[in-house]
Each structure stands twice: as C-alpha cells, then as structure tokens.
Amino acid sequence: MVFEETHVALQLRVNALFGDLRDLRVEFLAQHDSWQEAVQRGDLPSVKLACGGLRRLLLESVAFGCLLREAEQRAERRFAFTQRILAPRTGLDDFGVLTDANGDPLLPT
C-alpha cells in the first residue's frame, strides 16, 4: 500500500469483519500454548492446501494487490493522498501479523 489512506481503509475493513487482529492474537495466545497445538486439538479451524491450491491462493493475492495498486493510481490522479513511510515498518503488525524489528513477517510457532 502506497498511501496512508489505503492502509487505514483496509485496516478499518478488516477490523469490521474480524475485529482487531492484534487483540485477537493476544487473546488467543493467552488461552492456548501454540497455534499448532490449537489446530491439532480442533480449537482453531484451519485449511489444508495442496501445492496447486497454495499457488492459486498466492496468485489471487497478487492479483488483489495489483488491483489495489491500480485503484490507488486512479484515485491519485483525482485526489491528494498522504505517502506512506514504509521504513522501518511495513504495517503488517497492524493486521495482527507477527513481525521482527525490520517489519518483516515471522512464522507463528
């Protein structure tokens, strides 16, 4: 996401659908030892994907990102937006993704 407004709009939409993902992660981890154990016990729904399914999911996410960027470019021609400062954080932590000091995603344990 290039513009702060896009980031905020997406964050508001995610929060409306799921609630604050950071709070949900903290609440979940307070009740469970790990993500893997919760999945094994059936406390956390999960989806198993074959390699082809994962490839399709990744292609869909890339297509969505391209569509989002194209929409940003069209809107930029009509409106003034605030440029996002990408370093040192990516904003993934705003959506409940565990990140390291550089803002890069970490795999859950």
PDB file of N, CA and C in Angstrom:
ATOM      1  N   MET A   1       0.845  -1.164   0.000  1.00  0.00           N
ATOM      2  CA  MET A   1       0.000   0.000   0.000  1.00  0.00           C
ATOM      3  C   MET A   1       0.892   1.229   0.000  1.00  0.00           C
ATOM      4  N   VAL A   2       0.633   2.100  -0.905  1.00  0.00           N
ATOM      5  CA  VAL A   2       1.470   3.277  -1.060  1.00  0.00           C
ATOM      6  C   VAL A   2       0.972   4.429  -0.196  1.00  0.00           C
ATOM      7  N   PHE A   3      -0.339   4.539  -0.060  1.00  0.00           N
ATOM      8  CA  PHE A   3      -0.909   5.687   0.640  1.00  0.00           C
ATOM      9  C   PHE A   3      -1.446   5.303   2.007  1.00  0.00           C
ATOM     10  N   GLU A   4      -1.290   6.211   2.944  1.00  0.00           N
ATOM     11  CA  GLU A   4      -1.782   6.009   4.303  1.00  0.00           C
ATOM     12  C   GLU A   4      -3.292   5.790   4.300  1.00  0.00           C
ATOM     13  N   GLU A   5      -3.993   6.510   3.443  1.00  0.00           N
ATOM     14  CA  GLU A   5      -5.448   6.377   3.383  1.00  0.00           C
ATOM     15  C   GLU A   5      -5.874   4.961   2.975  1.00  0.00           C
ATOM     16  N   THR A   6      -5.139   4.345   2.053  1.00  0.00           N
ATOM     17  CA  THR A   6      -5.440   2.977   1.639  1.00  0.00           C
ATOM     18  C   THR A   6      -5.233   2.016   2.801  1.00  0.00           C
ATOM     19  N   HIS A   7      -4.134   2.203   3.506  1.00  0.00           N
ATOM     20  CA  HIS A   7      -3.822   1.351   4.656  1.00  0.00           C
ATOM     21  C   HIS A   7      -4.922   1.458   5.710  1.00  0.00           C
ATOM     22  N   VAL A   8      -5.331   2.675   6.015  1.00  0.00           N
ATOM     23  CA  VAL A   8      -6.361   2.884   7.036  1.00  0.00           C
ATOM     24  C   VAL A   8      -7.697   2.291   6.584  1.00  0.00           C
ATOM     25  N   ALA A   9      -8.054   2.496   5.306  1.00  0.00           N
ATOM     26  CA  ALA A   9      -9.316   1.946   4.798  1.00  0.00           C
ATOM     27  C   ALA A   9      -9.318   0.422   4.881  1.00  0.00           C
ATOM     28  N   LEU A  10      -8.212  -0.205   4.498  1.00  0.00           N
ATOM     29  CA  LEU A  10      -8.127  -1.661   4.569  1.00  0.00           C
ATOM     30  C   LEU A  10      -8.166  -2.138   6.015  1.00  0.00           C
ATOM     31  N   GLN A  11      -7.473  -1.430   6.885  1.00  0.00           N
ATOM     32  CA  GLN A  11      -7.468  -1.800   8.294  1.00  0.00           C
ATOM     33  C   GLN A  11      -8.876  -1.690   8.895  1.00  0.00           C
ATOM     34  N   LEU A  12      -9.611  -0.639   8.546  1.00  0.00           N
ATOM     35  CA  LEU A  12     -10.977  -0.488   9.041  1.00  0.00           C
ATOM     36  C   LEU A  12     -11.872  -1.622   8.536  1.00  0.00           C
ATOM     37  N   ARG A  13     -11.683  -2.024   7.289  1.00  0.00           N
ATOM     38  CA  ARG A  13     -12.488  -3.103   6.719  1.00  0.00           C
ATOM     39  C   ARG A  13     -12.184  -4.436   7.409  1.00  0.00           C
ATOM     40  N   VAL A  14     -10.911  -4.713   7.610  1.00  0.00           N
ATOM     41  CA  VAL A  14     -10.520  -5.955   8.303  1.00  0.00           C
ATOM     42  C   VAL A  14     -11.064  -5.954   9.727  1.00  0.00           C
ATOM     43  N   ASN A  15     -10.947  -4.818  10.416  1.00  0.00           N
ATOM     44  CA  ASN A  15     -11.457  -4.731  11.787  1.00  0.00           C
ATOM     45  C   ASN A  15     -12.972  -4.911  11.828  1.00  0.00           C
ATOM     46  N   ALA A  16     -13.677  -4.386  10.824  1.00  0.00           N
ATOM     47  CA  ALA A  16     -15.129  -4.543  10.785  1.00  0.00           C
ATOM     48  C   ALA A  16     -15.515  -6.011  10.581  1.00  0.00           C
ATOM     49  N   LEU A  17     -14.739  -6.730   9.784  1.00  0.00           N
ATOM     50  CA  LEU A  17     -15.048  -8.137   9.508  1.00  0.00           C
ATOM     51  C   LEU A  17     -14.651  -9.066  10.646  1.00  0.00           C
ATOM     52  N   PHE A  18     -13.442  -8.843  11.214  1.00  0.00           N
ATOM     53  CA  PHE A  18     -12.880  -9.808  12.154  1.00  0.00           C
ATOM     54  C   PHE A  18     -12.635  -9.263  13.553  1.00  0.00           C
ATOM     55  N   GLY A  19     -12.667  -7.964  13.736  1.00  0.00           N
ATOM     56  CA  GLY A  19     -12.231  -7.348  14.979  1.00  0.00           C
ATOM     57  C   GLY A  19     -10.755  -6.998  14.857  1.00  0.00           C
ATOM     58  N   ASP A  20     -10.198  -6.392  15.868  1.00  0.00           N
ATOM     59  CA  ASP A  20      -8.783  -6.013  15.842  1.00  0.00           C
ATOM     60  C   ASP A  20      -7.934  -7.283  15.901  1.00  0.00           C
ATOM     61  N   LEU A  21      -7.200  -7.562  14.838  1.00  0.00           N
ATOM     62  CA  LEU A  21      -6.433  -8.811  14.757  1.00  0.00           C
ATOM     63  C   LEU A  21      -5.317  -8.882  15.788  1.00  0.00           C
ATOM     64  N   ARG A  22      -4.761  -7.720  16.154  1.00  0.00           N
ATOM     65  CA  ARG A  22      -3.726  -7.739  17.203  1.00  0.00           C
ATOM     66  C   ARG A  22      -4.325  -8.199  18.522  1.00  0.00           C
ATOM     67  N   ASP A  23      -5.509  -7.671  18.860  1.00  0.00           N
ATOM     68  CA  ASP A  23      -6.171  -8.081  20.101  1.00  0.00           C
ATOM     69  C   ASP A  23      -6.572  -9.551  20.054  1.00  0.00           C
ATOM     70  N   LEU A  24      -7.072  -9.990  18.899  1.00  0.00           N
ATOM     71  CA  LEU A  24      -7.457 -11.394  18.759  1.00  0.00           C
ATOM     72  C   LEU A  24      -6.262 -12.316  18.932  1.00  0.00           C
ATOM     73  N   ARG A  25      -5.098 -11.917  18.390  1.00  0.00           N
ATOM     74  CA  ARG A  25      -3.894 -12.746  18.534  1.00  0.00           C
ATOM     75  C   ARG A  25      -3.487 -12.843  19.994  1.00  0.00           C
ATOM     76  N   VAL A  26      -3.476 -11.709  20.697  1.00  0.00           N
ATOM     77  CA  VAL A  26      -3.087 -11.699  22.111  1.00  0.00           C
ATOM     78  C   VAL A  26      -4.063 -12.547  22.928  1.00  0.00           C
ATOM     79  N   GLU A  27      -5.365 -12.379  22.671  1.00  0.00           N
ATOM     80  CA  GLU A  27      -6.386 -13.137  23.384  1.00  0.00           C
ATOM     81  C   GLU A  27      -6.246 -14.634  23.116  1.00  0.00           C
ATOM     82  N   PHE A  28      -5.982 -15.004  21.865  1.00  0.00           N
ATOM     83  CA  PHE A  28      -5.835 -16.413  21.513  1.00  0.00           C
ATOM     84  C   PHE A  28      -4.616 -17.017  22.201  1.00  0.00           C
ATOM     85  N   LEU A  29      -3.490 -16.321  22.133  1.00  0.00           N
ATOM     86  CA  LEU A  29      -2.259 -16.865  22.717  1.00  0.00           C
ATOM     87  C   LEU A  29      -2.329 -16.938  24.240  1.00  0.00           C
ATOM     88  N   ALA A  30      -3.158 -16.106  24.862  1.00  0.00           N
ATOM     89  CA  ALA A  30      -3.324 -16.178  26.313  1.00  0.00           C
ATOM     90  C   ALA A  30      -4.063 -17.454  26.710  1.00  0.00           C
ATOM     91  N   GLN A  31      -4.882 -17.996  25.798  1.00  0.00           N
ATOM     92  CA  GLN A  31      -5.674 -19.176  26.103  1.00  0.00           C
ATOM     93  C   GLN A  31      -5.059 -20.474  25.577  1.00  0.00           C
ATOM     94  N   HIS A  32      -4.080 -20.383  24.671  1.00  0.00           N
ATOM     95  CA  HIS A  32      -3.509 -21.566  24.038  1.00  0.00           C
ATOM     96  C   HIS A  32      -1.988 -21.508  24.081  1.00  0.00           C
ATOM     97  N   ASP A  33      -1.376 -22.692  24.090  1.00  0.00           N
ATOM     98  CA  ASP A  33       0.087 -22.758  24.124  1.00  0.00           C
ATOM     99  C   ASP A  33       0.703 -22.366  22.792  1.00  0.00           C
ATOM    100  N   SER A  34       0.164 -22.874  21.698  1.00  0.00           N
ATOM    101  CA  SER A  34       0.713 -22.558  20.375  1.00  0.00           C
ATOM    102  C   SER A  34      -0.380 -22.720  19.326  1.00  0.00           C
ATOM    103  N   TRP A  35      -0.148 -22.156  18.155  1.00  0.00           N
ATOM    104  CA  TRP A  35      -1.085 -22.265  17.039  1.00  0.00           C
ATOM    105  C   TRP A  35      -1.231 -23.738  16.627  1.00  0.00           C
ATOM    106  N   GLN A  36      -0.099 -24.433  16.537  1.00  0.00           N
ATOM    107  CA  GLN A  36      -0.122 -25.820  16.070  1.00  0.00           C
ATOM    108  C   GLN A  36      -0.919 -26.718  17.006  1.00  0.00           C
ATOM    109  N   GLU A  37      -0.723 -26.555  18.295  1.00  0.00           N
ATOM    110  CA  GLU A  37      -1.465 -27.371  19.255  1.00  0.00           C
ATOM    111  C   GLU A  37      -2.953 -27.072  19.185  1.00  0.00           C
ATOM    112  N   ALA A  38      -3.322 -25.813  19.008  1.00  0.00           N
ATOM    113  CA  ALA A  38      -4.729 -25.431  18.913  1.00  0.00           C
ATOM    114  C   ALA A  38      -5.370 -26.048  17.677  1.00  0.00           C
ATOM    115  N   VAL A  39      -4.643 -26.094  16.574  1.00  0.00           N
ATOM    116  CA  VAL A  39      -5.156 -26.719  15.353  1.00  0.00           C
ATOM    117  C   VAL A  39      -5.323 -28.214  15.571  1.00  0.00           C
ATOM    118  N   GLN A  40      -4.335 -28.853  16.187  1.00  0.00           N
ATOM    119  CA  GLN A  40      -4.397 -30.295  16.423  1.00  0.00           C
ATOM    120  C   GLN A  40      -5.563 -30.671  17.336  1.00  0.00           C
ATOM    121  N   ARG A  41      -5.848 -29.836  18.343  1.00  0.00           N
ATOM    122  CA  ARG A  41      -6.965 -30.109  19.260  1.00  0.00           C
ATOM    123  C   ARG A  41      -8.318 -29.751  18.651  1.00  0.00           C
ATOM    124  N   GLY A  42      -8.306 -29.027  17.532  1.00  0.00           N
ATOM    125  CA  GLY A  42      -9.554 -28.603  16.902  1.00  0.00           C
ATOM    126  C   GLY A  42     -10.091 -27.297  17.450  1.00  0.00           C
ATOM    127  N   ASP A  43      -9.302 -26.586  18.270  1.00  0.00           N
ATOM    128  CA  ASP A  43      -9.726 -25.298  18.817  1.00  0.00           C
ATOM    129  C   ASP A  43      -9.622 -24.173  17.789  1.00  0.00           C
ATOM    130  N   LEU A  44      -8.827 -24.388  16.765  1.00  0.00           N
ATOM    131  CA  LEU A  44      -8.592 -23.361  15.744  1.00  0.00           C
ATOM    132  C   LEU A  44      -8.838 -23.962  14.374  1.00  0.00           C
ATOM    133  N   PRO A  45      -9.856 -23.479  13.675  1.00  0.00           N
ATOM    134  CA  PRO A  45     -10.105 -24.008  12.329  1.00  0.00           C
ATOM    135  C   PRO A  45      -8.908 -23.736  11.425  1.00  0.00           C
ATOM    136  N   SER A  46      -8.629 -24.664  10.536  1.00  0.00           N
ATOM    137  CA  SER A  46      -7.509 -24.470   9.614  1.00  0.00           C
ATOM    138  C   SER A  46      -7.878 -25.015   8.248  1.00  0.00           C
ATOM    139  N   VAL A  47      -7.120 -24.617   7.271  1.00  0.00           N
ATOM    140  CA  VAL A  47      -7.331 -25.053   5.894  1.00  0.00           C
ATOM    141  C   VAL A  47      -6.045 -25.711   5.422  1.00  0.00           C
ATOM    142  N   LYS A  48      -6.167 -26.907   4.886  1.00  0.00           N
ATOM    143  CA  LYS A  48      -5.011 -27.585   4.313  1.00  0.00           C
ATOM    144  C   LYS A  48      -5.067 -27.397   2.806  1.00  0.00           C
ATOM    145  N   LEU A  49      -3.959 -26.956   2.246  1.00  0.00           N
ATOM    146  CA  LEU A  49      -3.893 -26.702   0.814  1.00  0.00           C
ATOM    147  C   LEU A  49      -2.819 -27.562   0.172  1.00  0.00           C
ATOM    148  N   ALA A  50      -3.162 -28.150  -0.958  1.00  0.00           N
ATOM    149  CA  ALA A  50      -2.148 -28.830  -1.768  1.00  0.00           C
ATOM    150  C   ALA A  50      -1.323 -27.749  -2.466  1.00  0.00           C
ATOM    151  N   CYS A  51      -0.240 -28.147  -3.064  1.00  0.00           N
ATOM    152  CA  CYS A  51       0.648 -27.192  -3.724  1.00  0.00           C
ATOM    153  C   CYS A  51      -0.099 -26.359  -4.767  1.00  0.00           C
ATOM    154  N   GLY A  52      -0.960 -26.982  -5.561  1.00  0.00           N
ATOM    155  CA  GLY A  52      -1.719 -26.259  -6.574  1.00  0.00           C
ATOM    156  C   GLY A  52      -2.672 -25.247  -5.962  1.00  0.00           C
ATOM    157  N   GLY A  53      -3.306 -25.618  -4.845  1.00  0.00           N
ATOM    158  CA  GLY A  53      -4.209 -24.698  -4.158  1.00  0.00           C
ATOM    159  C   GLY A  53      -3.467 -23.511  -3.573  1.00  0.00           C
ATOM    160  N   LEU A  54      -2.294 -23.767  -3.029  1.00  0.00           N
ATOM    161  CA  LEU A  54      -1.482 -22.686  -2.494  1.00  0.00           C
ATOM    162  C   LEU A  54      -1.043 -21.745  -3.612  1.00  0.00           C
ATOM    163  N   ARG A  55      -0.672 -22.311  -4.747  1.00  0.00           N
ATOM    164  CA  ARG A  55      -0.278 -21.492  -5.897  1.00  0.00           C
ATOM    165  C   ARG A  55      -1.434 -20.582  -6.330  1.00  0.00           C
ATOM    166  N   ARG A  56      -2.640 -21.136  -6.403  1.00  0.00           N
ATOM    167  CA  ARG A  56      -3.809 -20.334  -6.787  1.00  0.00           C
ATOM    168  C   ARG A  56      -4.086 -19.240  -5.765  1.00  0.00           C
ATOM    169  N   LEU A  57      -3.952 -19.581  -4.478  1.00  0.00           N
ATOM    170  CA  LEU A  57      -4.165 -18.587  -3.427  1.00  0.00           C
ATOM    171  C   LEU A  57      -3.160 -17.450  -3.545  1.00  0.00           C
ATOM    172  N   LEU A  58      -1.905 -17.780  -3.796  1.00  0.00           N
ATOM    173  CA  LEU A  58      -0.879 -16.749  -3.964  1.00  0.00           C
ATOM    174  C   LEU A  58      -1.147 -15.886  -5.191  1.00  0.00           C
ATOM    175  N   LEU A  59      -1.563 -16.513  -6.287  1.00  0.00           N
ATOM    176  CA  LEU A  59      -1.891 -15.747  -7.492  1.00  0.00           C
ATOM    177  C   LEU A  59      -3.072 -14.818  -7.253  1.00  0.00           C
ATOM    178  N   GLU A  60      -4.064 -15.287  -6.506  1.00  0.00           N
ATOM    179  CA  GLU A  60      -5.205 -14.430  -6.171  1.00  0.00           C
ATOM    180  C   GLU A  60      -4.765 -13.239  -5.319  1.00  0.00           C
ATOM    181  N   SER A  61      -3.868 -13.476  -4.366  1.00  0.00           N
ATOM    182  CA  SER A  61      -3.416 -12.375  -3.513  1.00  0.00           C
ATOM    183  C   SER A  61      -2.590 -11.371  -4.314  1.00  0.00           C
ATOM    184  N   VAL A  62      -1.773 -11.845  -5.245  1.00  0.00           N
ATOM    185  CA  VAL A  62      -1.012 -10.939  -6.105  1.00  0.00           C
ATOM    186  C   VAL A  62      -1.965 -10.133  -6.987  1.00  0.00           C
ATOM    187  N   ALA A  63      -2.972 -10.805  -7.536  1.00  0.00           N
ATOM    188  CA  ALA A  63      -3.952 -10.099  -8.371  1.00  0.00           C
ATOM    189  C   ALA A  63      -4.693  -9.037  -7.565  1.00  0.00           C
ATOM    190  N   PHE A  64      -5.049  -9.366  -6.311  1.00  0.00           N
ATOM    191  CA  PHE A  64      -5.716  -8.387  -5.462  1.00  0.00           C
ATOM    192  C   PHE A  64      -4.806  -7.193  -5.193  1.00  0.00           C
ATOM    193  N   GLY A  65      -3.534  -7.463  -4.903  1.00  0.00           N
ATOM    194  CA  GLY A  65      -2.587  -6.381  -4.667  1.00  0.00           C
ATOM    195  C   GLY A  65      -2.426  -5.492  -5.891  1.00  0.00           C
ATOM    196  N   CYS A  66      -2.385  -6.099  -7.063  1.00  0.00           N
ATOM    197  CA  CYS A  66      -2.283  -5.313  -8.307  1.00  0.00           C
ATOM    198  C   CYS A  66      -3.527  -4.464  -8.512  1.00  0.00           C
ATOM    199  N   LEU A  67      -4.689  -5.047  -8.242  1.00  0.00           N
ATOM    200  CA  LEU A  67      -5.938  -4.305  -8.369  1.00  0.00           C
ATOM    201  C   LEU A  67      -5.976  -3.134  -7.391  1.00  0.00           C
ATOM    202  N   LEU A  68      -5.520  -3.369  -6.169  1.00  0.00           N
ATOM    203  CA  LEU A  68      -5.478  -2.314  -5.167  1.00  0.00           C
ATOM    204  C   LEU A  68      -4.547  -1.193  -5.609  1.00  0.00           C
ATOM    205  N   ARG A  69      -3.382  -1.550  -6.117  1.00  0.00           N
ATOM    206  CA  ARG A  69      -2.429  -0.534  -6.575  1.00  0.00           C
ATOM    207  C   ARG A  69      -2.989   0.242  -7.762  1.00  0.00           C
ATOM    208  N   GLU A  70      -3.661  -0.448  -8.670  1.00  0.00           N
ATOM    209  CA  GLU A  70      -4.264   0.230  -9.821  1.00  0.00           C
ATOM    210  C   GLU A  70      -5.338   1.225  -9.358  1.00  0.00           C
ATOM    211  N   ALA A  71      -6.128   0.814  -8.378  1.00  0.00           N
ATOM    212  CA  ALA A  71      -7.145   1.715  -7.829  1.00  0.00           C
ATOM    213  C   ALA A  71      -6.498   2.915  -7.158  1.00  0.00           C
ATOM    214  N   GLU A  72      -5.387   2.693  -6.459  1.00  0.00           N
ATOM    215  CA  GLU A  72      -4.662   3.810  -5.842  1.00  0.00           C
ATOM    216  C   GLU A  72      -4.173   4.798  -6.909  1.00  0.00           C
ATOM    217  N   GLN A  73      -3.646   4.263  -7.993  1.00  0.00           N
ATOM    218  CA  GLN A  73      -3.138   5.129  -9.060  1.00  0.00           C
ATOM    219  C   GLN A  73      -4.253   5.952  -9.694  1.00  0.00           C
ATOM    220  N   ARG A  74      -5.409   5.328  -9.919  1.00  0.00           N
ATOM    221  CA  ARG A  74      -6.536   6.076 -10.482  1.00  0.00           C
ATOM    222  C   ARG A  74      -6.995   7.170  -9.531  1.00  0.00           C
ATOM    223  N   ALA A  75      -7.095   6.831  -8.250  1.00  0.00           N
ATOM    224  CA  ALA A  75      -7.539   7.819  -7.261  1.00  0.00           C
ATOM    225  C   ALA A  75      -6.512   8.933  -7.093  1.00  0.00           C
ATOM    226  N   GLU A  76      -5.238   8.586  -7.233  1.00  0.00           N
ATOM    227  CA  GLU A  76      -4.165   9.586  -7.073  1.00  0.00           C
ATOM    228  C   GLU A  76      -4.286  10.697  -8.117  1.00  0.00           C
ATOM    229  N   ARG A  77      -4.809  10.373  -9.301  1.00  0.00           N
ATOM    230  CA  ARG A  77      -4.967  11.391 -10.350  1.00  0.00           C
ATOM    231  C   ARG A  77      -6.029  12.418  -9.985  1.00  0.00           C
ATOM    232  N   ARG A  78      -6.944  12.050  -9.089  1.00  0.00           N
ATOM    233  CA  ARG A  78      -8.047  12.951  -8.747  1.00  0.00           C
ATOM    234  C   ARG A  78      -7.916  13.589  -7.373  1.00  0.00           C
ATOM    235  N   PHE A  79      -7.204  12.922  -6.460  1.00  0.00           N
ATOM    236  CA  PHE A  79      -7.147  13.392  -5.080  1.00  0.00           C
ATOM    237  C   PHE A  79      -5.698  13.445  -4.599  1.00  0.00           C
ATOM    238  N   ALA A  80      -5.478  14.213  -3.536  1.00  0.00           N
ATOM    239  CA  ALA A  80      -4.152  14.273  -2.909  1.00  0.00           C
ATOM    240  C   ALA A  80      -4.147  13.304  -1.730  1.00  0.00           C
ATOM    241  N   PHE A  81      -3.160  12.422  -1.701  1.00  0.00           N
ATOM    242  CA  PHE A  81      -3.051  11.434  -0.634  1.00  0.00           C
ATOM    243  C   PHE A  81      -1.751  11.607   0.124  1.00  0.00           C
ATOM    244  N   THR A  82      -1.693  10.990   1.300  1.00  0.00           N
ATOM    245  CA  THR A  82      -0.507  11.026   2.137  1.00  0.00           C
ATOM    246  C   THR A  82       0.361   9.819   1.806  1.00  0.00           C
ATOM    247  N   GLN A  83       1.607  10.051   1.404  1.00  0.00           N
ATOM    248  CA  GLN A  83       2.532   8.948   1.110  1.00  0.00           C
ATOM    249  C   GLN A  83       2.857   8.215   2.395  1.00  0.00           C
ATOM    250  N   ARG A  84       2.827   6.871   2.324  1.00  0.00           N
ATOM    251  CA  ARG A  84       3.207   6.066   3.486  1.00  0.00           C
ATOM    252  C   ARG A  84       4.717   6.039   3.605  1.00  0.00           C
ATOM    253  N   ILE A  85       5.203   6.130   4.814  1.00  0.00           N
ATOM    254  CA  ILE A  85       6.624   5.951   5.079  1.00  0.00           C
ATOM    255  C   ILE A  85       6.802   4.473   5.407  1.00  0.00           C
ATOM    256  N   LEU A  86       7.394   3.732   4.474  1.00  0.00           N
ATOM    257  CA  LEU A  86       7.449   2.273   4.610  1.00  0.00           C
ATOM    258  C   LEU A  86       8.539   1.796   5.550  1.00  0.00           C
ATOM    259  N   ALA A  87       9.614   2.504   5.704  1.00  0.00           N
ATOM    260  CA  ALA A  87      10.675   2.036   6.587  1.00  0.00           C
ATOM    261  C   ALA A  87      10.525   2.736   7.933  1.00  0.00           C
ATOM    262  N   PRO A  88      10.781   2.114   9.052  1.00  0.00           N
ATOM    263  CA  PRO A  88      11.250   0.749   9.189  1.00  0.00           C
ATOM    264  C   PRO A  88      10.122  -0.268   9.340  1.00  0.00           C
ATOM    265  N   ARG A  89       8.841   0.148   9.254  1.00  0.00           N
ATOM    266  CA  ARG A  89       7.766  -0.819   9.461  1.00  0.00           C
ATOM    267  C   ARG A  89       6.937  -0.970   8.198  1.00  0.00           C
ATOM    268  N   THR A  90       6.363  -2.143   8.027  1.00  0.00           N
ATOM    269  CA  THR A  90       5.568  -2.418   6.837  1.00  0.00           C
ATOM    270  C   THR A  90       4.086  -2.227   7.087  1.00  0.00           C
ATOM    271  N   GLY A  91       3.677  -2.191   8.345  1.00  0.00           N
ATOM    272  CA  GLY A  91       2.269  -2.071   8.659  1.00  0.00           C
ATOM    273  C   GLY A  91       1.590  -3.414   8.835  1.00  0.00           C
ATOM    274  N   LEU A  92       2.320  -4.516   8.609  1.00  0.00           N
ATOM    275  CA  LEU A  92       1.727  -5.841   8.775  1.00  0.00           C
ATOM    276  C   LEU A  92       1.278  -6.070  10.209  1.00  0.00           C
ATOM    277  N   ASP A  93       2.014  -5.483  11.157  1.00  0.00           N
ATOM    278  CA  ASP A  93       1.660  -5.662  12.554  1.00  0.00           C
ATOM    279  C   ASP A  93       0.289  -5.055  12.866  1.00  0.00           C
ATOM    280  N   ASP A  94      -0.157  -4.079  12.054  1.00  0.00           N
ATOM    281  CA  ASP A  94      -1.489  -3.512  12.243  1.00  0.00           C
ATOM    282  C   ASP A  94      -2.585  -4.527  11.957  1.00  0.00           C
ATOM    283  N   PHE A  95      -2.257  -5.567  11.213  1.00  0.00           N
ATOM    284  CA  PHE A  95      -3.232  -6.586  10.846  1.00  0.00           C
ATOM    285  C   PHE A  95      -3.010  -7.894  11.611  1.00  0.00           C
ATOM    286  N   GLY A  96      -2.266  -7.823  12.709  1.00  0.00           N
ATOM    287  CA  GLY A  96      -2.088  -8.994  13.549  1.00  0.00           C
ATOM    288  C   GLY A  96      -0.989  -9.935  13.106  1.00  0.00           C
ATOM    289  N   VAL A  97      -0.172  -9.529  12.136  1.00  0.00           N
ATOM    290  CA  VAL A  97       0.922 -10.380  11.666  1.00  0.00           C
ATOM    291  C   VAL A  97       2.133 -10.149  12.556  1.00  0.00           C
ATOM    292  N   LEU A  98       2.708 -11.216  13.067  1.00  0.00           N
ATOM    293  CA  LEU A  98       3.920 -11.092  13.874  1.00  0.00           C
ATOM    294  C   LEU A  98       5.061 -10.624  12.980  1.00  0.00           C
ATOM    295  N   THR A  99       5.800  -9.599  13.416  1.00  0.00           N
ATOM    296  CA  THR A  99       6.901  -9.067  12.623  1.00  0.00           C
ATOM    297  C   THR A  99       8.151  -8.925  13.480  1.00  0.00           C
ATOM    298  N   ASP A 100       9.299  -8.926  12.801  1.00  0.00           N
ATOM    299  CA  ASP A 100      10.554  -8.700  13.501  1.00  0.00           C
ATOM    300  C   ASP A 100      10.825  -7.195  13.572  1.00  0.00           C
ATOM    301  N   ALA A 101      12.013  -6.814  14.027  1.00  0.00           N
ATOM    302  CA  ALA A 101      12.355  -5.400  14.202  1.00  0.00           C
ATOM    303  C   ALA A 101      12.332  -4.616  12.888  1.00  0.00           C
ATOM    304  N   ASN A 102      12.526  -5.305  11.764  1.00  0.00           N
ATOM    305  CA  ASN A 102      12.506  -4.642  10.452  1.00  0.00           C
ATOM    306  C   ASN A 102      11.117  -4.598   9.842  1.00  0.00           C
ATOM    307  N   GLY A 103      10.124  -5.177  10.513  1.00  0.00           N
ATOM    308  CA  GLY A 103       8.779  -5.207   9.980  1.00  0.00           C
ATOM    309  C   GLY A 103       8.513  -6.383   9.067  1.00  0.00           C
ATOM    310  N   ASP A 104       9.484  -7.319   8.972  1.00  0.00           N
ATOM    311  CA  ASP A 104       9.299  -8.497   8.139  1.00  0.00           C
ATOM    312  C   ASP A 104       8.471  -9.539   8.882  1.00  0.00           C
ATOM    313  N   PRO A 105       7.588 -10.261   8.172  1.00  0.00           N
ATOM    314  CA  PRO A 105       6.720 -11.230   8.868  1.00  0.00           C
ATOM    315  C   PRO A 105       7.500 -12.404   9.446  1.00  0.00           C
ATOM    316  N   LEU A 106       7.011 -12.879  10.600  1.00  0.00           N
ATOM    317  CA  LEU A 106       7.569 -14.059  11.263  1.00  0.00           C
ATOM    318  C   LEU A 106       6.541 -15.171  11.186  1.00  0.00           C
ATOM    319  N   LEU A 107       7.012 -16.393  11.090  1.00  0.00           N
ATOM    320  CA  LEU A 107       6.111 -17.535  11.098  1.00  0.00           C
ATOM    321  C   LEU A 107       5.691 -17.815  12.532  1.00  0.00           C
ATOM    322  N   PRO A 108       4.397 -18.082  12.757  1.00  0.00           N
ATOM    323  CA  PRO A 108       3.962 -18.393  14.128  1.00  0.00           C
ATOM    324  C   PRO A 108       4.489 -19.755  14.562  1.00  0.00           C
ATOM    325  N   THR A 109       4.696 -19.903  15.868  1.00  0.00           N
ATOM    326  CA  THR A 109       5.168 -21.184  16.403  1.00  0.00           C
ATOM    327  C   THR A 109       4.059 -21.907  17.100  1.00  0.00           C
TER     328      THR A 109
END
